[in-house]
Amino acid sequence: MIEDLKKAGAQTTAREQYHTVGEKETLYSISRQYGCTVSQLQQWNNLQDNAIKIGQQLVVKK
């Protein structure tokens, strides 16, 4: 499991977990991968809409 997350570009800290956006990923696909909602991702990352870029680091767990 942890190895799978590392392959997917995930990093962890004591409280938060991060994901690096890959090609063809959307907030929806990332939310499904980490068991959270698109709204949570937007809130945790101060996003006003669904626009994300390849290489962007997102908080995926708090």
N, C-alpha and C. Protein backbone atom coordinates (compact mmCIF):
# COMPACT_ATOMS: atom_id res chain seq x y z
N MET A 1 0.83 -1.20 0.00
CA MET A 1 0.00 0.00 0.00
C MET A 1 0.86 1.25 0.00
N ILE A 2 1.80 1.35 0.93
CA ILE A 2 2.67 2.53 0.98
C ILE A 2 3.49 2.61 -0.29
N GLU A 3 3.96 1.48 -0.79
CA GLU A 3 4.72 1.48 -2.03
C GLU A 3 3.86 1.97 -3.20
N ASP A 4 2.58 1.60 -3.22
CA ASP A 4 1.68 2.05 -4.26
C ASP A 4 1.50 3.56 -4.20
N LEU A 5 1.39 4.11 -2.99
CA LEU A 5 1.23 5.55 -2.84
C LEU A 5 2.48 6.28 -3.30
N LYS A 6 3.64 5.72 -3.00
CA LYS A 6 4.88 6.35 -3.45
C LYS A 6 4.96 6.36 -4.97
N LYS A 7 4.53 5.26 -5.60
CA LYS A 7 4.52 5.20 -7.05
C LYS A 7 3.56 6.24 -7.63
N ALA A 8 2.48 6.52 -6.93
CA ALA A 8 1.47 7.47 -7.40
C ALA A 8 1.86 8.91 -7.11
N GLY A 9 3.02 9.12 -6.49
CA GLY A 9 3.47 10.47 -6.21
C GLY A 9 3.04 10.99 -4.87
N ALA A 10 2.73 10.13 -3.93
CA ALA A 10 2.27 10.57 -2.62
C ALA A 10 3.44 10.72 -1.67
N GLN A 11 3.35 11.72 -0.80
CA GLN A 11 4.31 11.93 0.27
C GLN A 11 3.52 12.12 1.55
N THR A 12 4.14 11.79 2.67
CA THR A 12 3.43 11.96 3.93
C THR A 12 4.25 12.79 4.91
N THR A 13 3.55 13.46 5.81
CA THR A 13 4.16 14.12 6.95
C THR A 13 3.43 13.61 8.17
N ALA A 14 3.71 14.17 9.33
CA ALA A 14 3.08 13.69 10.56
C ALA A 14 1.56 13.82 10.49
N ARG A 15 1.06 14.87 9.88
CA ARG A 15 -0.39 15.09 9.87
C ARG A 15 -0.99 15.06 8.48
N GLU A 16 -0.27 15.55 7.51
CA GLU A 16 -0.84 15.68 6.17
C GLU A 16 -0.19 14.69 5.21
N GLN A 17 -0.95 14.36 4.17
CA GLN A 17 -0.42 13.52 3.11
C GLN A 17 -0.55 14.31 1.82
N TYR A 18 0.47 14.25 0.98
CA TYR A 18 0.50 15.01 -0.26
C TYR A 18 0.50 14.09 -1.47
N HIS A 19 0.01 14.63 -2.57
CA HIS A 19 0.00 13.91 -3.85
C HIS A 19 0.49 14.87 -4.92
N THR A 20 1.38 14.40 -5.77
CA THR A 20 1.84 15.20 -6.91
C THR A 20 0.98 14.84 -8.11
N VAL A 21 0.34 15.84 -8.69
CA VAL A 21 -0.58 15.64 -9.81
C VAL A 21 0.17 15.11 -11.02
N GLY A 22 -0.37 14.03 -11.59
CA GLY A 22 0.21 13.43 -12.79
C GLY A 22 -0.63 13.72 -14.01
N GLU A 23 -0.13 13.29 -15.14
CA GLU A 23 -0.81 13.50 -16.41
C GLU A 23 -2.19 12.84 -16.39
N LYS A 24 -3.18 13.54 -16.88
CA LYS A 24 -4.57 13.09 -17.02
C LYS A 24 -5.30 12.89 -15.70
N GLU A 25 -4.73 13.36 -14.58
CA GLU A 25 -5.42 13.25 -13.30
C GLU A 25 -6.35 14.44 -13.11
N THR A 26 -7.45 14.19 -12.41
CA THR A 26 -8.41 15.24 -12.09
C THR A 26 -8.61 15.23 -10.57
N LEU A 27 -9.23 16.29 -10.06
CA LEU A 27 -9.55 16.29 -8.63
C LEU A 27 -10.43 15.10 -8.29
N TYR A 28 -11.34 14.76 -9.18
CA TYR A 28 -12.23 13.63 -8.92
C TYR A 28 -11.44 12.32 -8.82
N SER A 29 -10.53 12.08 -9.77
CA SER A 29 -9.78 10.82 -9.74
C SER A 29 -8.87 10.76 -8.51
N ILE A 30 -8.30 11.89 -8.13
CA ILE A 30 -7.45 11.93 -6.95
C ILE A 30 -8.29 11.71 -5.69
N SER A 31 -9.47 12.31 -5.64
CA SER A 31 -10.34 12.13 -4.47
C SER A 31 -10.73 10.66 -4.30
N ARG A 32 -11.00 9.97 -5.39
CA ARG A 32 -11.35 8.55 -5.33
C ARG A 32 -10.17 7.71 -4.83
N GLN A 33 -8.98 8.10 -5.24
CA GLN A 33 -7.77 7.36 -4.87
C GLN A 33 -7.50 7.45 -3.37
N TYR A 34 -7.83 8.58 -2.76
CA TYR A 34 -7.51 8.80 -1.35
C TYR A 34 -8.73 8.78 -0.43
N GLY A 35 -9.91 8.53 -0.97
CA GLY A 35 -11.09 8.40 -0.13
C GLY A 35 -11.57 9.70 0.48
N CYS A 36 -11.46 10.78 -0.26
CA CYS A 36 -11.97 12.07 0.20
C CYS A 36 -12.86 12.64 -0.90
N THR A 37 -13.40 13.83 -0.68
CA THR A 37 -14.26 14.44 -1.69
C THR A 37 -13.50 15.53 -2.44
N VAL A 38 -14.03 15.89 -3.60
CA VAL A 38 -13.46 16.99 -4.37
C VAL A 38 -13.52 18.27 -3.54
N SER A 39 -14.62 18.48 -2.83
CA SER A 39 -14.77 19.67 -1.98
C SER A 39 -13.68 19.73 -0.91
N GLN A 40 -13.36 18.58 -0.32
CA GLN A 40 -12.30 18.56 0.68
C GLN A 40 -10.96 18.93 0.06
N LEU A 41 -10.67 18.38 -1.10
CA LEU A 41 -9.41 18.71 -1.78
C LEU A 41 -9.34 20.21 -2.08
N GLN A 42 -10.45 20.76 -2.55
CA GLN A 42 -10.48 22.20 -2.84
C GLN A 42 -10.23 23.01 -1.58
N GLN A 43 -10.86 22.63 -0.49
CA GLN A 43 -10.72 23.36 0.77
C GLN A 43 -9.29 23.25 1.30
N TRP A 44 -8.75 22.04 1.37
CA TRP A 44 -7.42 21.82 1.92
C TRP A 44 -6.33 22.51 1.12
N ASN A 45 -6.58 22.72 -0.19
CA ASN A 45 -5.57 23.29 -1.07
C ASN A 45 -5.90 24.70 -1.55
N ASN A 46 -6.93 25.30 -0.94
CA ASN A 46 -7.34 26.67 -1.29
C ASN A 46 -7.57 26.85 -2.79
N LEU A 47 -8.30 25.90 -3.37
CA LEU A 47 -8.61 25.95 -4.80
C LEU A 47 -10.00 26.55 -4.99
N GLN A 48 -10.11 27.46 -5.93
CA GLN A 48 -11.38 28.11 -6.21
C GLN A 48 -12.22 27.30 -7.21
N ASP A 49 -11.55 26.47 -8.01
CA ASP A 49 -12.26 25.66 -9.01
C ASP A 49 -11.56 24.31 -9.15
N ASN A 50 -11.81 23.61 -10.24
CA ASN A 50 -11.24 22.27 -10.43
C ASN A 50 -9.93 22.28 -11.19
N ALA A 51 -9.36 23.45 -11.45
CA ALA A 51 -8.13 23.55 -12.25
C ALA A 51 -6.92 23.13 -11.43
N ILE A 52 -6.21 22.11 -11.92
CA ILE A 52 -4.95 21.68 -11.33
C ILE A 52 -3.96 21.46 -12.47
N LYS A 53 -2.66 21.46 -12.14
CA LYS A 53 -1.62 21.32 -13.15
C LYS A 53 -0.73 20.14 -12.83
N ILE A 54 -0.16 19.53 -13.87
CA ILE A 54 0.78 18.45 -13.69
C ILE A 54 1.95 18.96 -12.84
N GLY A 55 2.33 18.18 -11.85
CA GLY A 55 3.43 18.54 -10.98
C GLY A 55 3.00 19.29 -9.73
N GLN A 56 1.76 19.73 -9.70
CA GLN A 56 1.25 20.46 -8.53
C GLN A 56 1.13 19.50 -7.35
N GLN A 57 1.53 19.96 -6.16
CA GLN A 57 1.40 19.14 -4.96
C GLN A 57 0.11 19.51 -4.24
N LEU A 58 -0.67 18.50 -3.93
CA LEU A 58 -1.95 18.70 -3.26
C LEU A 58 -1.96 17.98 -1.92
N VAL A 59 -2.56 18.61 -0.91
CA VAL A 59 -2.83 17.93 0.35
C VAL A 59 -4.00 17.00 0.08
N VAL A 60 -3.84 15.71 0.38
CA VAL A 60 -4.91 14.74 0.12
C VAL A 60 -5.45 14.12 1.40
N LYS A 61 -4.83 14.42 2.53
CA LYS A 61 -5.29 13.90 3.80
C LYS A 61 -4.82 14.83 4.90
N LYS A 62 -5.74 15.15 5.81
CA LYS A 62 -5.37 16.00 6.96
C LYS A 62 -5.62 15.24 8.23
